Amino acid sequence: MSLIPSEASKIEVAGATVDFFKLEEDGQSIYYFDTSKCGPPEPMVNAMCGLKLIKGTNSKLVMINHKAPGGLFSRLESNISYSIEEIDDFVKVTFTCDNSEPNNSNFAQKTQRV
């Protein structure tokens, strides 16, 4: 079962290790990628690549994963919002960018373990 719409077109995304897809819907771009069969750090790496696509736009990024990427959420600032939907054995995370606030997401910052 694929959670990526069949009418979405495959696109190239710099630095990505999985396929990305783009769908135009009601004048809005929606980007999709599936890391549900990938282990760390691939979900985080691909999410960071995908988030660059929606920076400063009204586009959406949809991540299909086996669980919610908790480590990623802690790196997002207030200009990136997300919603989580559980579907069978998958998690669908939809990211959007609020263009009224500056983009302060620090995708390069390393996490520190205490």
PDB file of N, CA and C in Angstrom:
ATOM      1  N   MET A   1       0.841  -1.184   0.000  1.00  0.00           N
ATOM      2  CA  MET A   1       0.000   0.000   0.000  1.00  0.00           C
ATOM      3  C   MET A   1       0.885   1.247   0.000  1.00  0.00           C
ATOM      4  N   SER A   2       0.699   2.081  -1.005  1.00  0.00           N
ATOM      5  CA  SER A   2       1.462   3.316  -1.064  1.00  0.00           C
ATOM      6  C   SER A   2       0.587   4.477  -0.618  1.00  0.00           C
ATOM      7  N   LEU A   3       1.126   5.311   0.234  1.00  0.00           N
ATOM      8  CA  LEU A   3       0.411   6.494   0.696  1.00  0.00           C
ATOM      9  C   LEU A   3       0.742   7.716  -0.156  1.00  0.00           C
ATOM     10  N   ILE A   4       1.553   7.512  -1.190  1.00  0.00           N
ATOM     11  CA  ILE A   4       1.890   8.582  -2.127  1.00  0.00           C
ATOM     12  C   ILE A   4       0.934   8.476  -3.317  1.00  0.00           C
ATOM     13  N   PRO A   5       0.236   9.556  -3.646  1.00  0.00           N
ATOM     14  CA  PRO A   5      -0.727   9.498  -4.754  1.00  0.00           C
ATOM     15  C   PRO A   5      -0.081   9.053  -6.058  1.00  0.00           C
ATOM     16  N   SER A   6      -0.786   8.209  -6.798  1.00  0.00           N
ATOM     17  CA  SER A   6      -0.240   7.674  -8.046  1.00  0.00           C
ATOM     18  C   SER A   6      -0.031   8.757  -9.100  1.00  0.00           C
ATOM     19  N   GLU A   7      -0.764   9.868  -9.014  1.00  0.00           N
ATOM     20  CA  GLU A   7      -0.616  10.939  -9.993  1.00  0.00           C
ATOM     21  C   GLU A   7       0.547  11.880  -9.679  1.00  0.00           C
ATOM     22  N   ALA A   8       1.236  11.685  -8.556  1.00  0.00           N
ATOM     23  CA  ALA A   8       2.401  12.505  -8.206  1.00  0.00           C
ATOM     24  C   ALA A   8       3.574  12.131  -9.113  1.00  0.00           C
ATOM     25  N   SER A   9       4.361  13.138  -9.483  1.00  0.00           N
ATOM     26  CA  SER A   9       5.513  12.938 -10.372  1.00  0.00           C
ATOM     27  C   SER A   9       6.804  12.866  -9.566  1.00  0.00           C
ATOM     28  N   LYS A  10       7.677  11.950  -9.962  1.00  0.00           N
ATOM     29  CA  LYS A  10       8.977  11.805  -9.314  1.00  0.00           C
ATOM     30  C   LYS A  10       9.844  13.014  -9.643  1.00  0.00           C
ATOM     31  N   ILE A  11      10.544  13.533  -8.617  1.00  0.00           N
ATOM     32  CA  ILE A  11      11.441  14.672  -8.811  1.00  0.00           C
ATOM     33  C   ILE A  11      12.793  14.363  -8.176  1.00  0.00           C
ATOM     34  N   GLU A  12      13.793  15.110  -8.563  1.00  0.00           N
ATOM     35  CA  GLU A  12      15.125  15.003  -7.970  1.00  0.00           C
ATOM     36  C   GLU A  12      15.235  16.006  -6.828  1.00  0.00           C
ATOM     37  N   VAL A  13      15.752  15.557  -5.694  1.00  0.00           N
ATOM     38  CA  VAL A  13      15.973  16.429  -4.541  1.00  0.00           C
ATOM     39  C   VAL A  13      17.408  16.235  -4.076  1.00  0.00           C
ATOM     40  N   ALA A  14      18.172  17.319  -4.057  1.00  0.00           N
ATOM     41  CA  ALA A  14      19.590  17.267  -3.687  1.00  0.00           C
ATOM     42  C   ALA A  14      19.763  16.684  -2.287  1.00  0.00           C
ATOM     43  N   GLY A  15      20.642  15.705  -2.169  1.00  0.00           N
ATOM     44  CA  GLY A  15      20.978  15.112  -0.887  1.00  0.00           C
ATOM     45  C   GLY A  15      20.043  14.011  -0.419  1.00  0.00           C
ATOM     46  N   ALA A  16      18.948  13.795  -1.123  1.00  0.00           N
ATOM     47  CA  ALA A  16      17.973  12.782  -0.708  1.00  0.00           C
ATOM     48  C   ALA A  16      18.475  11.377  -1.011  1.00  0.00           C
ATOM     49  N   THR A  17      18.096  10.437  -0.155  1.00  0.00           N
ATOM     50  CA  THR A  17      18.473   9.039  -0.364  1.00  0.00           C
ATOM     51  C   THR A  17      17.269   8.181  -0.736  1.00  0.00           C
ATOM     52  N   VAL A  18      16.083   8.786  -0.802  1.00  0.00           N
ATOM     53  CA  VAL A  18      14.865   8.107  -1.254  1.00  0.00           C
ATOM     54  C   VAL A  18      14.224   8.956  -2.354  1.00  0.00           C
ATOM     55  N   ASP A  19      13.269   8.378  -3.043  1.00  0.00           N
ATOM     56  CA  ASP A  19      12.569   9.105  -4.095  1.00  0.00           C
ATOM     57  C   ASP A  19      11.628  10.142  -3.482  1.00  0.00           C
ATOM     58  N   PHE A  20      11.555  11.293  -4.130  1.00  0.00           N
ATOM     59  CA  PHE A  20      10.611  12.344  -3.779  1.00  0.00           C
ATOM     60  C   PHE A  20       9.623  12.505  -4.923  1.00  0.00           C
ATOM     61  N   PHE A  21       8.414  12.913  -4.580  1.00  0.00           N
ATOM     62  CA  PHE A  21       7.357  13.089  -5.567  1.00  0.00           C
ATOM     63  C   PHE A  21       6.687  14.437  -5.339  1.00  0.00           C
ATOM     64  N   LYS A  22       6.138  14.991  -6.431  1.00  0.00           N
ATOM     65  CA  LYS A  22       5.474  16.286  -6.357  1.00  0.00           C
ATOM     66  C   LYS A  22       4.094  16.180  -6.993  1.00  0.00           C
ATOM     67  N   LEU A  23       3.123  16.776  -6.315  1.00  0.00           N
ATOM     68  CA  LEU A  23       1.762  16.821  -6.817  1.00  0.00           C
ATOM     69  C   LEU A  23       1.260  18.250  -6.706  1.00  0.00           C
ATOM     70  N   GLU A  24       0.718  18.775  -7.798  1.00  0.00           N
ATOM     71  CA  GLU A  24       0.101  20.102  -7.789  1.00  0.00           C
ATOM     72  C   GLU A  24      -1.380  19.907  -7.520  1.00  0.00           C
ATOM     73  N   GLU A  25      -1.882  20.576  -6.485  1.00  0.00           N
ATOM     74  CA  GLU A  25      -3.287  20.434  -6.114  1.00  0.00           C
ATOM     75  C   GLU A  25      -3.831  21.785  -5.696  1.00  0.00           C
ATOM     76  N   ASP A  26      -4.821  22.273  -6.408  1.00  0.00           N
ATOM     77  CA  ASP A  26      -5.437  23.575  -6.116  1.00  0.00           C
ATOM     78  C   ASP A  26      -4.402  24.695  -6.033  1.00  0.00           C
ATOM     79  N   GLY A  27      -3.427  24.697  -6.949  1.00  0.00           N
ATOM     80  CA  GLY A  27      -2.415  25.732  -6.986  1.00  0.00           C
ATOM     81  C   GLY A  27      -1.331  25.609  -5.924  1.00  0.00           C
ATOM     82  N   GLN A  28      -1.303  24.497  -5.228  1.00  0.00           N
ATOM     83  CA  GLN A  28      -0.318  24.283  -4.158  1.00  0.00           C
ATOM     84  C   GLN A  28       0.512  23.047  -4.482  1.00  0.00           C
ATOM     85  N   SER A  29       1.814  23.142  -4.240  1.00  0.00           N
ATOM     86  CA  SER A  29       2.695  21.994  -4.425  1.00  0.00           C
ATOM     87  C   SER A  29       2.720  21.172  -3.140  1.00  0.00           C
ATOM     88  N   ILE A  30       2.585  19.862  -3.311  1.00  0.00           N
ATOM     89  CA  ILE A  30       2.698  18.940  -2.182  1.00  0.00           C
ATOM     90  C   ILE A  30       3.800  17.957  -2.536  1.00  0.00           C
ATOM     91  N   TYR A  31       4.823  17.899  -1.691  1.00  0.00           N
ATOM     92  CA  TYR A  31       5.955  17.002  -1.898  1.00  0.00           C
ATOM     93  C   TYR A  31       5.803  15.800  -0.975  1.00  0.00           C
ATOM     94  N   TYR A  32       6.144  14.623  -1.473  1.00  0.00           N
ATOM     95  CA  TYR A  32       6.004  13.380  -0.716  1.00  0.00           C
ATOM     96  C   TYR A  32       7.321  12.615  -0.725  1.00  0.00           C
ATOM     97  N   PHE A  33       7.587  11.909   0.375  1.00  0.00           N
ATOM     98  CA  PHE A  33       8.670  10.927   0.402  1.00  0.00           C
ATOM     99  C   PHE A  33       8.337   9.860   1.436  1.00  0.00           C
ATOM    100  N   ASP A  34       8.891   8.675   1.239  1.00  0.00           N
ATOM    101  CA  ASP A  34       8.582   7.534   2.090  1.00  0.00           C
ATOM    102  C   ASP A  34       9.874   6.949   2.659  1.00  0.00           C
ATOM    103  N   THR A  35      10.042   7.083   3.964  1.00  0.00           N
ATOM    104  CA  THR A  35      11.206   6.493   4.644  1.00  0.00           C
ATOM    105  C   THR A  35      10.761   5.408   5.622  1.00  0.00           C
ATOM    106  N   SER A  36       9.599   4.839   5.385  1.00  0.00           N
ATOM    107  CA  SER A  36       9.051   3.843   6.314  1.00  0.00           C
ATOM    108  C   SER A  36       9.882   2.570   6.394  1.00  0.00           C
ATOM    109  N   LYS A  37      10.696   2.302   5.387  1.00  0.00           N
ATOM    110  CA  LYS A  37      11.534   1.104   5.395  1.00  0.00           C
ATOM    111  C   LYS A  37      13.005   1.428   5.637  1.00  0.00           C
ATOM    112  N   CYS A  38      13.280   2.663   6.043  1.00  0.00           N
ATOM    113  CA  CYS A  38      14.657   3.118   6.253  1.00  0.00           C
ATOM    114  C   CYS A  38      14.972   3.204   7.746  1.00  0.00           C
ATOM    115  N   GLY A  39      16.225   2.985   8.059  1.00  0.00           N
ATOM    116  CA  GLY A  39      16.689   3.163   9.428  1.00  0.00           C
ATOM    117  C   GLY A  39      17.407   4.488   9.573  1.00  0.00           C
ATOM    118  N   PRO A  40      17.683   4.866  10.825  1.00  0.00           N
ATOM    119  CA  PRO A  40      18.405   6.122  11.072  1.00  0.00           C
ATOM    120  C   PRO A  40      19.766   6.091  10.372  1.00  0.00           C
ATOM    121  N   PRO A  41      20.192   7.208   9.867  1.00  0.00           N
ATOM    122  CA  PRO A  41      19.637   8.557   9.946  1.00  0.00           C
ATOM    123  C   PRO A  41      18.789   8.958   8.731  1.00  0.00           C
ATOM    124  N   GLU A  42      18.452   7.997   7.851  1.00  0.00           N
ATOM    125  CA  GLU A  42      17.789   8.352   6.591  1.00  0.00           C
ATOM    126  C   GLU A  42      16.489   9.144   6.743  1.00  0.00           C
ATOM    127  N   PRO A  43      15.584   8.801   7.666  1.00  0.00           N
ATOM    128  CA  PRO A  43      14.377   9.631   7.774  1.00  0.00           C
ATOM    129  C   PRO A  43      14.697  11.097   8.072  1.00  0.00           C
ATOM    130  N   MET A  44      15.628  11.339   8.963  1.00  0.00           N
ATOM    131  CA  MET A  44      16.005  12.711   9.322  1.00  0.00           C
ATOM    132  C   MET A  44      16.686  13.412   8.143  1.00  0.00           C
ATOM    133  N   VAL A  45      17.599  12.733   7.486  1.00  0.00           N
ATOM    134  CA  VAL A  45      18.327  13.311   6.349  1.00  0.00           C
ATOM    135  C   VAL A  45      17.347  13.715   5.254  1.00  0.00           C
ATOM    136  N   ASN A  46      16.416  12.838   4.913  1.00  0.00           N
ATOM    137  CA  ASN A  46      15.471  13.127   3.847  1.00  0.00           C
ATOM    138  C   ASN A  46      14.465  14.185   4.255  1.00  0.00           C
ATOM    139  N   ALA A  47      14.064  14.207   5.503  1.00  0.00           N
ATOM    140  CA  ALA A  47      13.163  15.267   5.973  1.00  0.00           C
ATOM    141  C   ALA A  47      13.836  16.626   5.858  1.00  0.00           C
ATOM    142  N   MET A  48      15.098  16.712   6.223  1.00  0.00           N
ATOM    143  CA  MET A  48      15.819  17.982   6.123  1.00  0.00           C
ATOM    144  C   MET A  48      15.920  18.433   4.665  1.00  0.00           C
ATOM    145  N   CYS A  49      16.160  17.503   3.753  1.00  0.00           N
ATOM    146  CA  CYS A  49      16.198  17.842   2.328  1.00  0.00           C
ATOM    147  C   CYS A  49      14.833  18.329   1.866  1.00  0.00           C
ATOM    148  N   GLY A  50      13.795  17.655   2.278  1.00  0.00           N
ATOM    149  CA  GLY A  50      12.445  18.022   1.882  1.00  0.00           C
ATOM    150  C   GLY A  50      11.988  19.346   2.469  1.00  0.00           C
ATOM    151  N   LEU A  51      12.371  19.627   3.692  1.00  0.00           N
ATOM    152  CA  LEU A  51      11.964  20.889   4.319  1.00  0.00           C
ATOM    153  C   LEU A  51      12.534  22.093   3.576  1.00  0.00           C
ATOM    154  N   LYS A  52      13.676  21.908   2.925  1.00  0.00           N
ATOM    155  CA  LYS A  52      14.237  22.999   2.119  1.00  0.00           C
ATOM    156  C   LYS A  52      13.328  23.335   0.935  1.00  0.00           C
ATOM    157  N   LEU A  53      12.569  22.358   0.463  1.00  0.00           N
ATOM    158  CA  LEU A  53      11.661  22.583  -0.670  1.00  0.00           C
ATOM    159  C   LEU A  53      10.506  23.509  -0.306  1.00  0.00           C
ATOM    160  N   ILE A  54      10.064  23.470   0.945  1.00  0.00           N
ATOM    161  CA  ILE A  54       8.890  24.262   1.329  1.00  0.00           C
ATOM    162  C   ILE A  54       9.245  25.575   2.018  1.00  0.00           C
ATOM    163  N   LYS A  55      10.520  25.799   2.266  1.00  0.00           N
ATOM    164  CA  LYS A  55      10.957  27.025   2.929  1.00  0.00           C
ATOM    165  C   LYS A  55      10.502  28.247   2.140  1.00  0.00           C
ATOM    166  N   GLY A  56       9.778  29.137   2.803  1.00  0.00           N
ATOM    167  CA  GLY A  56       9.340  30.369   2.181  1.00  0.00           C
ATOM    168  C   GLY A  56       8.228  30.205   1.152  1.00  0.00           C
ATOM    169  N   THR A  57       7.525  29.079   1.167  1.00  0.00           N
ATOM    170  CA  THR A  57       6.446  28.828   0.207  1.00  0.00           C
ATOM    171  C   THR A  57       5.164  28.463   0.944  1.00  0.00           C
ATOM    172  N   ASN A  58       4.097  28.271   0.178  1.00  0.00           N
ATOM    173  CA  ASN A  58       2.870  27.760   0.777  1.00  0.00           C
ATOM    174  C   ASN A  58       2.708  26.274   0.485  1.00  0.00           C
ATOM    175  N   SER A  59       3.793  25.615   0.098  1.00  0.00           N
ATOM    176  CA  SER A  59       3.794  24.195  -0.223  1.00  0.00           C
ATOM    177  C   SER A  59       3.739  23.354   1.045  1.00  0.00           C
ATOM    178  N   LYS A  60       3.458  22.064   0.851  1.00  0.00           N
ATOM    179  CA  LYS A  60       3.445  21.112   1.960  1.00  0.00           C
ATOM    180  C   LYS A  60       4.445  20.009   1.676  1.00  0.00           C
ATOM    181  N   LEU A  61       4.947  19.409   2.753  1.00  0.00           N
ATOM    182  CA  LEU A  61       5.834  18.256   2.664  1.00  0.00           C
ATOM    183  C   LEU A  61       5.182  17.129   3.456  1.00  0.00           C
ATOM    184  N   VAL A  62       5.031  15.972   2.815  1.00  0.00           N
ATOM    185  CA  VAL A  62       4.420  14.821   3.475  1.00  0.00           C
ATOM    186  C   VAL A  62       5.464  13.724   3.609  1.00  0.00           C
ATOM    187  N   MET A  63       5.710  13.330   4.838  1.00  0.00           N
ATOM    188  CA  MET A  63       6.670  12.271   5.165  1.00  0.00           C
ATOM    189  C   MET A  63       5.892  11.028   5.581  1.00  0.00           C
ATOM    190  N   ILE A  64       6.195   9.902   4.946  1.00  0.00           N
ATOM    191  CA  ILE A  64       5.635   8.615   5.350  1.00  0.00           C
ATOM    192  C   ILE A  64       6.755   7.887   6.077  1.00  0.00           C
ATOM    193  N   ASN A  65       6.489   7.485   7.314  1.00  0.00           N
ATOM    194  CA  ASN A  65       7.532   6.847   8.107  1.00  0.00           C
ATOM    195  C   ASN A  65       6.904   5.758   8.973  1.00  0.00           C
ATOM    196  N   HIS A  66       7.749   4.965   9.609  1.00  0.00           N
ATOM    197  CA  HIS A  66       7.248   3.899  10.477  1.00  0.00           C
ATOM    198  C   HIS A  66       6.893   4.409  11.871  1.00  0.00           C
ATOM    199  N   LYS A  67       7.395   5.592  12.231  1.00  0.00           N
ATOM    200  CA  LYS A  67       7.047   6.225  13.508  1.00  0.00           C
ATOM    201  C   LYS A  67       7.279   7.729  13.379  1.00  0.00           C
ATOM    202  N   ALA A  68       6.739   8.472  14.314  1.00  0.00           N
ATOM    203  CA  ALA A  68       6.921   9.925  14.302  1.00  0.00           C
ATOM    204  C   ALA A  68       8.389  10.259  14.543  1.00  0.00           C
ATOM    205  N   PRO A  69       8.950  11.186  13.768  1.00  0.00           N
ATOM    206  CA  PRO A  69      10.375  11.540  13.902  1.00  0.00           C
ATOM    207  C   PRO A  69      10.602  12.556  15.028  1.00  0.00           C
ATOM    208  N   GLY A  70      10.512  12.098  16.255  1.00  0.00           N
ATOM    209  CA  GLY A  70      10.618  12.980  17.420  1.00  0.00           C
ATOM    210  C   GLY A  70      11.872  13.830  17.437  1.00  0.00           C
ATOM    211  N   GLY A  71      12.999  13.285  17.007  1.00  0.00           N
ATOM    212  CA  GLY A  71      14.243  14.051  16.986  1.00  0.00           C
ATOM    213  C   GLY A  71      14.193  15.217  16.020  1.00  0.00           C
ATOM    214  N   LEU A  72      13.408  15.080  14.975  1.00  0.00           N
ATOM    215  CA  LEU A  72      13.268  16.159  13.999  1.00  0.00           C
ATOM    216  C   LEU A  72      12.419  17.291  14.561  1.00  0.00           C
ATOM    217  N   PHE A  73      11.362  16.955  15.264  1.00  0.00           N
ATOM    218  CA  PHE A  73      10.455  17.978  15.779  1.00  0.00           C
ATOM    219  C   PHE A  73      11.170  18.972  16.683  1.00  0.00           C
ATOM    220  N   SER A  74      12.134  18.496  17.436  1.00  0.00           N
ATOM    221  CA  SER A  74      12.853  19.389  18.351  1.00  0.00           C
ATOM    222  C   SER A  74      13.715  20.405  17.614  1.00  0.00           C
ATOM    223  N   ARG A  75      13.984  20.181  16.334  1.00  0.00           N
ATOM    224  CA  ARG A  75      14.794  21.110  15.535  1.00  0.00           C
ATOM    225  C   ARG A  75      13.952  22.148  14.791  1.00  0.00           C
ATOM    226  N   LEU A  76      12.667  21.979  14.810  1.00  0.00           N
ATOM    227  CA  LEU A  76      11.793  22.895  14.073  1.00  0.00           C
ATOM    228  C   LEU A  76      11.460  24.111  14.917  1.00  0.00           C
ATOM    229  N   GLU A  77      11.512  25.261  14.295  1.00  0.00           N
ATOM    230  CA  GLU A  77      11.139  26.505  14.961  1.00  0.00           C
ATOM    231  C   GLU A  77       9.675  26.799  14.666  1.00  0.00           C
ATOM    232  N   SER A  78       9.209  27.913  15.134  1.00  0.00           N
ATOM    233  CA  SER A  78       7.789  28.240  15.042  1.00  0.00           C
ATOM    234  C   SER A  78       7.285  28.463  13.618  1.00  0.00           C
ATOM    235  N   ASN A  79       8.167  28.657  12.653  1.00  0.00           N
ATOM    236  CA  ASN A  79       7.712  28.874  11.277  1.00  0.00           C
ATOM    237  C   ASN A  79       7.380  27.574  10.546  1.00  0.00           C
ATOM    238  N   ILE A  80       7.707  26.436  11.117  1.00  0.00           N
ATOM    239  CA  ILE A  80       7.362  25.137  10.537  1.00  0.00           C
ATOM    240  C   ILE A  80       6.375  24.458  11.473  1.00  0.00           C
ATOM    241  N   SER A  81       5.227  24.088  10.919  1.00  0.00           N
ATOM    242  CA  SER A  81       4.252  23.351  11.723  1.00  0.00           C
ATOM    243  C   SER A  81       4.074  21.969  11.105  1.00  0.00           C
ATOM    244  N   TYR A  82       3.518  21.067  11.885  1.00  0.00           N
ATOM    245  CA  TYR A  82       3.332  19.707  11.399  1.00  0.00           C
ATOM    246  C   TYR A  82       2.081  19.100  12.024  1.00  0.00           C
ATOM    247  N   SER A  83       1.538  18.134  11.322  1.00  0.00           N
ATOM    248  CA  SER A  83       0.441  17.334  11.855  1.00  0.00           C
ATOM    249  C   SER A  83       0.801  15.875  11.635  1.00  0.00           C
ATOM    250  N   ILE A  84       0.331  15.023  12.526  1.00  0.00           N
ATOM    251  CA  ILE A  84       0.646  13.599  12.466  1.00  0.00           C
ATOM    252  C   ILE A  84      -0.652  12.813  12.316  1.00  0.00           C
ATOM    253  N   GLU A  85      -0.639  11.879  11.374  1.00  0.00           N
ATOM    254  CA  GLU A  85      -1.786  11.003  11.155  1.00  0.00           C
ATOM    255  C   GLU A  85      -1.287   9.560  11.143  1.00  0.00           C
ATOM    256  N   GLU A  86      -1.850   8.722  11.978  1.00  0.00           N
ATOM    257  CA  GLU A  86      -1.472   7.309  12.001  1.00  0.00           C
ATOM    258  C   GLU A  86      -2.353   6.549  11.036  1.00  0.00           C
ATOM    259  N   ILE A  87      -1.720   5.800  10.131  1.00  0.00           N
ATOM    260  CA  ILE A  87      -2.425   5.020   9.123  1.00  0.00           C
ATOM    261  C   ILE A  87      -1.847   3.609   9.135  1.00  0.00           C
ATOM    262  N   ASP A  88      -2.627   2.663   9.602  1.00  0.00           N
ATOM    263  CA  ASP A  88      -2.179   1.267   9.717  1.00  0.00           C
ATOM    264  C   ASP A  88      -0.853   1.223  10.479  1.00  0.00           C
ATOM    265  N   ASP A  89       0.202   0.713   9.847  1.00  0.00           N
ATOM    266  CA  ASP A  89       1.512   0.603  10.495  1.00  0.00           C
ATOM    267  C   ASP A  89       2.436   1.755  10.145  1.00  0.00           C
ATOM    268  N   PHE A  90       1.865   2.842   9.623  1.00  0.00           N
ATOM    269  CA  PHE A  90       2.657   3.986   9.182  1.00  0.00           C
ATOM    270  C   PHE A  90       2.241   5.250   9.916  1.00  0.00           C
ATOM    271  N   VAL A  91       3.104   6.247   9.808  1.00  0.00           N
ATOM    272  CA  VAL A  91       2.800   7.589  10.304  1.00  0.00           C
ATOM    273  C   VAL A  91       2.968   8.534   9.118  1.00  0.00           C
ATOM    274  N   LYS A  92       1.975   9.382   8.916  1.00  0.00           N
ATOM    275  CA  LYS A  92       2.026  10.393   7.864  1.00  0.00           C
ATOM    276  C   LYS A  92       2.177  11.739   8.557  1.00  0.00           C
ATOM    277  N   VAL A  93       3.322  12.389   8.320  1.00  0.00           N
ATOM    278  CA  VAL A  93       3.603  13.688   8.925  1.00  0.00           C
ATOM    279  C   VAL A  93       3.552  14.728   7.819  1.00  0.00           C
ATOM    280  N   THR A  94       2.705  15.734   7.993  1.00  0.00           N
ATOM    281  CA  THR A  94       2.577  16.805   7.011  1.00  0.00           C
ATOM    282  C   THR A  94       3.161  18.084   7.588  1.00  0.00           C
ATOM    283  N   PHE A  95       4.154  18.633   6.893  1.00  0.00           N
ATOM    284  CA  PHE A  95       4.838  19.856   7.318  1.00  0.00           C
ATOM    285  C   PHE A  95       4.379  21.024   6.457  1.00  0.00           C
ATOM    286  N   THR A  96       4.210  22.185   7.078  1.00  0.00           N
ATOM    287  CA  THR A  96       3.918  23.420   6.357  1.00  0.00           C
ATOM    288  C   THR A  96       4.796  24.528   6.919  1.00  0.00           C
ATOM    289  N   CYS A  97       5.011  25.559   6.108  1.00  0.00           N
ATOM    290  CA  CYS A  97       5.847  26.690   6.505  1.00  0.00           C
ATOM    291  C   CYS A  97       4.971  27.926   6.628  1.00  0.00           C
ATOM    292  N   ASP A  98       5.080  28.627   7.747  1.00  0.00           N
ATOM    293  CA  ASP A  98       4.365  29.886   7.939  1.00  0.00           C
ATOM    294  C   ASP A  98       5.260  30.993   7.401  1.00  0.00           C
ATOM    295  N   ASN A  99       4.862  31.574   6.285  1.00  0.00           N
ATOM    296  CA  ASN A  99       5.683  32.588   5.631  1.00  0.00           C
ATOM    297  C   ASN A  99       5.703  33.924   6.345  1.00  0.00           C
ATOM    298  N   SER A 100       4.852  34.108   7.353  1.00  0.00           N
ATOM    299  CA  SER A 100       4.826  35.398   8.054  1.00  0.00           C
ATOM    300  C   SER A 100       5.931  35.509   9.096  1.00  0.00           C
ATOM    301  N   GLU A 101       6.601  34.393   9.397  1.00  0.00           N
ATOM    302  CA  GLU A 101       7.689  34.405  10.372  1.00  0.00           C
ATOM    303  C   GLU A 101       8.993  34.058   9.675  1.00  0.00           C
ATOM    304  N   PRO A 102      10.125  34.580  10.173  1.00  0.00           N
ATOM    305  CA  PRO A 102      11.411  34.214   9.584  1.00  0.00           C
ATOM    306  C   PRO A 102      11.699  32.739   9.809  1.00  0.00           C
ATOM    307  N   ASN A 103      12.419  32.124   8.890  1.00  0.00           N
ATOM    308  CA  ASN A 103      12.748  30.706   9.012  1.00  0.00           C
ATOM    309  C   ASN A 103      13.949  30.555   9.939  1.00  0.00           C
ATOM    310  N   ASN A 104      13.696  30.017  11.118  1.00  0.00           N
ATOM    311  CA  ASN A 104      14.755  29.839  12.108  1.00  0.00           C
ATOM    312  C   ASN A 104      15.074  28.380  12.364  1.00  0.00           C
ATOM    313  N   SER A 105      14.583  27.482  11.528  1.00  0.00           N
ATOM    314  CA  SER A 105      14.857  26.068  11.733  1.00  0.00           C
ATOM    315  C   SER A 105      16.338  25.813  11.537  1.00  0.00           C
ATOM    316  N   ASN A 106      16.934  25.129  12.475  1.00  0.00           N
ATOM    317  CA  ASN A 106      18.366  24.863  12.413  1.00  0.00           C
ATOM    318  C   ASN A 106      18.565  23.408  12.045  1.00  0.00           C
ATOM    319  N   PHE A 107      18.633  23.135  10.751  1.00  0.00           N
ATOM    320  CA  PHE A 107      18.793  21.772  10.288  1.00  0.00           C
ATOM    321  C   PHE A 107      20.231  21.286  10.406  1.00  0.00           C
ATOM    322  N   ALA A 108      21.175  22.189  10.602  1.00  0.00           N
ATOM    323  CA  ALA A 108      22.579  21.816  10.689  1.00  0.00           C
ATOM    324  C   ALA A 108      23.012  21.538  12.123  1.00  0.00           C
ATOM    325  N   GLN A 109      22.241  22.003  13.081  1.00  0.00           N
ATOM    326  CA  GLN A 109      22.600  21.855  14.488  1.00  0.00           C
ATOM    327  C   GLN A 109      22.639  20.379  14.877  1.00  0.00           C
ATOM    328  N   LYS A 110      23.669  19.988  15.568  1.00  0.00           N
ATOM    329  CA  LYS A 110      23.774  18.616  16.056  1.00  0.00           C
ATOM    330  C   LYS A 110      23.094  18.537  17.412  1.00  0.00           C
ATOM    331  N   THR A 111      22.449  17.419  17.653  1.00  0.00           N
ATOM    332  CA  THR A 111      21.817  17.254  18.956  1.00  0.00           C
ATOM    333  C   THR A 111      22.872  16.835  19.967  1.00  0.00           C
ATOM    334  N   GLN A 112      22.668  17.262  21.170  1.00  0.00           N
ATOM    335  CA  GLN A 112      23.615  16.942  22.228  1.00  0.00           C
ATOM    336  C   GLN A 112      22.935  16.020  23.214  1.00  0.00           C
ATOM    337  N   ARG A 113      23.567  14.930  23.527  1.00  0.00           N
ATOM    338  CA  ARG A 113      23.015  13.990  24.486  1.00  0.00           C
ATOM    339  C   ARG A 113      23.549  14.324  25.873  1.00  0.00           C
ATOM    340  N   VAL A 114      22.644  14.283  26.804  1.00  0.00           N
ATOM    341  CA  VAL A 114      23.014  14.625  28.182  1.00  0.00           C
ATOM    342  C   VAL A 114      23.059  13.371  29.009  1.00  0.00           C
TER     343      VAL A 114
END
